[in-house]
Amino acid sequence: MRAETQDWRALSEAASREQDPEKLIQLVEELNRTLLRRELEIKRRLFAN
């Protein structure tokens, strides 16, 4: 499993358990950034071929 996959899954799992609203927002924001980076990388690969 690649690092990006582990990252978004770990962030998602942490967010699902977080009780503190401010920490939850931080986790969700980081999750969104991670998924956006992943999406852009996939698109780059598709258009590079």
PDB file of N, CA and C in Angstrom:
ATOM      1  N   MET A   1       0.840  -1.182   0.000  1.00  0.00           N
ATOM      2  CA  MET A   1       0.000   0.000   0.000  1.00  0.00           C
ATOM      3  C   MET A   1       0.880   1.239   0.000  1.00  0.00           C
ATOM      4  N   ARG A   2       0.534   2.205  -0.845  1.00  0.00           N
ATOM      5  CA  ARG A   2       1.343   3.410  -0.970  1.00  0.00           C
ATOM      6  C   ARG A   2       1.103   4.355   0.194  1.00  0.00           C
ATOM      7  N   ALA A   3       2.044   5.253   0.415  1.00  0.00           N
ATOM      8  CA  ALA A   3       1.985   6.190   1.540  1.00  0.00           C
ATOM      9  C   ALA A   3       0.751   7.080   1.466  1.00  0.00           C
ATOM     10  N   GLU A   4       0.394   7.567   0.244  1.00  0.00           N
ATOM     11  CA  GLU A   4      -0.766   8.441   0.133  1.00  0.00           C
ATOM     12  C   GLU A   4      -2.040   7.716   0.552  1.00  0.00           C
ATOM     13  N   THR A   5      -2.143   6.453   0.159  1.00  0.00           N
ATOM     14  CA  THR A   5      -3.324   5.674   0.517  1.00  0.00           C
ATOM     15  C   THR A   5      -3.401   5.503   2.024  1.00  0.00           C
ATOM     16  N   GLN A   6      -2.284   5.211   2.636  1.00  0.00           N
ATOM     17  CA  GLN A   6      -2.263   5.072   4.088  1.00  0.00           C
ATOM     18  C   GLN A   6      -2.599   6.395   4.760  1.00  0.00           C
ATOM     19  N   ASP A   7      -2.075   7.509   4.201  1.00  0.00           N
ATOM     20  CA  ASP A   7      -2.331   8.817   4.789  1.00  0.00           C
ATOM     21  C   ASP A   7      -3.813   9.146   4.831  1.00  0.00           C
ATOM     22  N   TRP A   8      -4.501   9.054   3.692  1.00  0.00           N
ATOM     23  CA  TRP A   8      -5.903   9.454   3.686  1.00  0.00           C
ATOM     24  C   TRP A   8      -6.751   8.493   4.505  1.00  0.00           C
ATOM     25  N   ARG A   9      -6.381   7.241   4.501  1.00  0.00           N
ATOM     26  CA  ARG A   9      -7.148   6.286   5.307  1.00  0.00           C
ATOM     27  C   ARG A   9      -6.936   6.530   6.799  1.00  0.00           C
ATOM     28  N   ALA A  10      -5.707   6.824   7.184  1.00  0.00           N
ATOM     29  CA  ALA A  10      -5.417   7.114   8.599  1.00  0.00           C
ATOM     30  C   ALA A  10      -6.119   8.394   9.033  1.00  0.00           C
ATOM     31  N   LEU A  11      -6.096   9.409   8.178  1.00  0.00           N
ATOM     32  CA  LEU A  11      -6.777  10.663   8.502  1.00  0.00           C
ATOM     33  C   LEU A  11      -8.281  10.447   8.616  1.00  0.00           C
ATOM     34  N   SER A  12      -8.827   9.666   7.720  1.00  0.00           N
ATOM     35  CA  SER A  12     -10.264   9.379   7.754  1.00  0.00           C
ATOM     36  C   SER A  12     -10.649   8.641   9.028  1.00  0.00           C
ATOM     37  N   GLU A  13      -9.845   7.665   9.383  1.00  0.00           N
ATOM     38  CA  GLU A  13     -10.115   6.904  10.605  1.00  0.00           C
ATOM     39  C   GLU A  13     -10.005   7.801  11.838  1.00  0.00           C
ATOM     40  N   ALA A  14      -8.975   8.633  11.882  1.00  0.00           N
ATOM     41  CA  ALA A  14      -8.801   9.543  13.020  1.00  0.00           C
ATOM     42  C   ALA A  14      -9.969  10.515  13.118  1.00  0.00           C
ATOM     43  N   ALA A  15     -10.423  11.030  11.971  1.00  0.00           N
ATOM     44  CA  ALA A  15     -11.552  11.968  11.970  1.00  0.00           C
ATOM     45  C   ALA A  15     -12.825  11.283  12.458  1.00  0.00           C
ATOM     46  N   SER A  16     -12.998  10.018  12.115  1.00  0.00           N
ATOM     47  CA  SER A  16     -14.222   9.319  12.524  1.00  0.00           C
ATOM     48  C   SER A  16     -14.303   9.117  14.035  1.00  0.00           C
ATOM     49  N   ARG A  17     -13.147   9.166  14.695  1.00  0.00           N
ATOM     50  CA  ARG A  17     -13.111   8.955  16.149  1.00  0.00           C
ATOM     51  C   ARG A  17     -12.974  10.246  16.958  1.00  0.00           C
ATOM     52  N   GLU A  18     -12.627  11.335  16.281  1.00  0.00           N
ATOM     53  CA  GLU A  18     -12.326  12.582  16.989  1.00  0.00           C
ATOM     54  C   GLU A  18     -13.576  13.177  17.633  1.00  0.00           C
ATOM     55  N   GLN A  19     -13.458  13.565  18.893  1.00  0.00           N
ATOM     56  CA  GLN A  19     -14.564  14.161  19.642  1.00  0.00           C
ATOM     57  C   GLN A  19     -14.455  15.680  19.734  1.00  0.00           C
ATOM     58  N   ASP A  20     -13.242  16.191  19.661  1.00  0.00           N
ATOM     59  CA  ASP A  20     -13.021  17.633  19.769  1.00  0.00           C
ATOM     60  C   ASP A  20     -13.339  18.288  18.419  1.00  0.00           C
ATOM     61  N   PRO A  21     -14.307  19.214  18.385  1.00  0.00           N
ATOM     62  CA  PRO A  21     -14.705  19.824  17.111  1.00  0.00           C
ATOM     63  C   PRO A  21     -13.570  20.538  16.379  1.00  0.00           C
ATOM     64  N   GLU A  22     -12.702  21.223  17.088  1.00  0.00           N
ATOM     65  CA  GLU A  22     -11.599  21.933  16.434  1.00  0.00           C
ATOM     66  C   GLU A  22     -10.587  20.962  15.833  1.00  0.00           C
ATOM     67  N   LYS A  23     -10.276  19.892  16.565  1.00  0.00           N
ATOM     68  CA  LYS A  23      -9.362  18.887  16.027  1.00  0.00           C
ATOM     69  C   LYS A  23      -9.992  18.176  14.830  1.00  0.00           C
ATOM     70  N   LEU A  24     -11.301  17.956  14.897  1.00  0.00           N
ATOM     71  CA  LEU A  24     -12.006  17.319  13.789  1.00  0.00           C
ATOM     72  C   LEU A  24     -11.904  18.175  12.532  1.00  0.00           C
ATOM     73  N   ILE A  25     -12.111  19.473  12.665  1.00  0.00           N
ATOM     74  CA  ILE A  25     -11.989  20.382  11.521  1.00  0.00           C
ATOM     75  C   ILE A  25     -10.583  20.300  10.931  1.00  0.00           C
ATOM     76  N   GLN A  26      -9.564  20.297  11.786  1.00  0.00           N
ATOM     77  CA  GLN A  26      -8.182  20.209  11.302  1.00  0.00           C
ATOM     78  C   GLN A  26      -7.948  18.906  10.539  1.00  0.00           C
ATOM     79  N   LEU A  27      -8.457  17.807  11.077  1.00  0.00           N
ATOM     80  CA  LEU A  27      -8.287  16.515  10.421  1.00  0.00           C
ATOM     81  C   LEU A  27      -9.000  16.481   9.070  1.00  0.00           C
ATOM     82  N   VAL A  28     -10.207  17.014   9.023  1.00  0.00           N
ATOM     83  CA  VAL A  28     -10.972  17.016   7.777  1.00  0.00           C
ATOM     84  C   VAL A  28     -10.301  17.916   6.738  1.00  0.00           C
ATOM     85  N   GLU A  29      -9.779  19.053   7.162  1.00  0.00           N
ATOM     86  CA  GLU A  29      -9.060  19.920   6.227  1.00  0.00           C
ATOM     87  C   GLU A  29      -7.826  19.225   5.667  1.00  0.00           C
ATOM     88  N   GLU A  30      -7.088  18.545   6.517  1.00  0.00           N
ATOM     89  CA  GLU A  30      -5.901  17.811   6.052  1.00  0.00           C
ATOM     90  C   GLU A  30      -6.308  16.656   5.142  1.00  0.00           C
ATOM     91  N   LEU A  31      -7.387  15.977   5.476  1.00  0.00           N
ATOM     92  CA  LEU A  31      -7.901  14.902   4.632  1.00  0.00           C
ATOM     93  C   LEU A  31      -8.270  15.445   3.252  1.00  0.00           C
ATOM     94  N   ASN A  32      -8.943  16.577   3.219  1.00  0.00           N
ATOM     95  CA  ASN A  32      -9.307  17.192   1.931  1.00  0.00           C
ATOM     96  C   ASN A  32      -8.073  17.531   1.109  1.00  0.00           C
ATOM     97  N   ARG A  33      -7.054  18.108   1.740  1.00  0.00           N
ATOM     98  CA  ARG A  33      -5.815  18.442   1.016  1.00  0.00           C
ATOM     99  C   ARG A  33      -5.145  17.180   0.472  1.00  0.00           C
ATOM    100  N   THR A  34      -5.105  16.146   1.287  1.00  0.00           N
ATOM    101  CA  THR A  34      -4.477  14.886   0.882  1.00  0.00           C
ATOM    102  C   THR A  34      -5.212  14.262  -0.298  1.00  0.00           C
ATOM    103  N   LEU A  35      -6.541  14.256  -0.238  1.00  0.00           N
ATOM    104  CA  LEU A  35      -7.317  13.676  -1.335  1.00  0.00           C
ATOM    105  C   LEU A  35      -7.203  14.516  -2.604  1.00  0.00           C
ATOM    106  N   LEU A  36      -7.125  15.816  -2.469  1.00  0.00           N
ATOM    107  CA  LEU A  36      -6.952  16.678  -3.639  1.00  0.00           C
ATOM    108  C   LEU A  36      -5.600  16.409  -4.306  1.00  0.00           C
ATOM    109  N   ARG A  37      -4.539  16.306  -3.487  1.00  0.00           N
ATOM    110  CA  ARG A  37      -3.220  15.991  -4.046  1.00  0.00           C
ATOM    111  C   ARG A  37      -3.253  14.650  -4.773  1.00  0.00           C
ATOM    112  N   ARG A  38      -3.926  13.679  -4.185  1.00  0.00           N
ATOM    113  CA  ARG A  38      -4.027  12.346  -4.786  1.00  0.00           C
ATOM    114  C   ARG A  38      -4.779  12.417  -6.114  1.00  0.00           C
ATOM    115  N   GLU A  39      -5.882  13.152  -6.129  1.00  0.00           N
ATOM    116  CA  GLU A  39      -6.661  13.312  -7.350  1.00  0.00           C
ATOM    117  C   GLU A  39      -5.832  13.965  -8.459  1.00  0.00           C
ATOM    118  N   LEU A  40      -5.100  15.012  -8.111  1.00  0.00           N
ATOM    119  CA  LEU A  40      -4.276  15.701  -9.105  1.00  0.00           C
ATOM    120  C   LEU A  40      -3.177  14.795  -9.645  1.00  0.00           C
ATOM    121  N   GLU A  41      -2.581  13.998  -8.780  1.00  0.00           N
ATOM    122  CA  GLU A  41      -1.537  13.070  -9.217  1.00  0.00           C
ATOM    123  C   GLU A  41      -2.109  12.019 -10.173  1.00  0.00           C
ATOM    124  N   ILE A  42      -3.282  11.516  -9.878  1.00  0.00           N
ATOM    125  CA  ILE A  42      -3.920  10.529 -10.756  1.00  0.00           C
ATOM    126  C   ILE A  42      -4.217  11.158 -12.111  1.00  0.00           C
ATOM    127  N   LYS A  43      -4.741  12.378 -12.114  1.00  0.00           N
ATOM    128  CA  LYS A  43      -5.037  13.063 -13.371  1.00  0.00           C
ATOM    129  C   LYS A  43      -3.764  13.311 -14.170  1.00  0.00           C
ATOM    130  N   ARG A  44      -2.681  13.701 -13.499  1.00  0.00           N
ATOM    131  CA  ARG A  44      -1.414  13.911 -14.207  1.00  0.00           C
ATOM    132  C   ARG A  44      -0.953  12.636 -14.890  1.00  0.00           C
ATOM    133  N   ARG A  45      -1.070  11.523 -14.178  1.00  0.00           N
ATOM    134  CA  ARG A  45      -0.661  10.240 -14.757  1.00  0.00           C
ATOM    135  C   ARG A  45      -1.507   9.872 -15.967  1.00  0.00           C
ATOM    136  N   LEU A  46      -2.817  10.115 -15.875  1.00  0.00           N
ATOM    137  CA  LEU A  46      -3.704   9.794 -16.976  1.00  0.00           C
ATOM    138  C   LEU A  46      -3.379  10.615 -18.222  1.00  0.00           C
ATOM    139  N   PHE A  47      -3.134  11.907 -18.032  1.00  0.00           N
ATOM    140  CA  PHE A  47      -2.870  12.777 -19.167  1.00  0.00           C
ATOM    141  C   PHE A  47      -1.430  12.639 -19.676  1.00  0.00           C
ATOM    142  N   ALA A  48      -0.546  12.082 -18.892  1.00  0.00           N
ATOM    143  CA  ALA A  48       0.835  11.893 -19.320  1.00  0.00           C
ATOM    144  C   ALA A  48       0.963  10.720 -20.287  1.00  0.00           C
ATOM    145  N   ASN A  49       0.018   9.806 -20.218  1.00  0.00           N
ATOM    146  CA  ASN A  49       0.086   8.613 -21.078  1.00  0.00           C
ATOM    147  C   ASN A  49      -0.578   8.818 -22.392  1.00  0.00           C
TER     148      ASN A  49
END
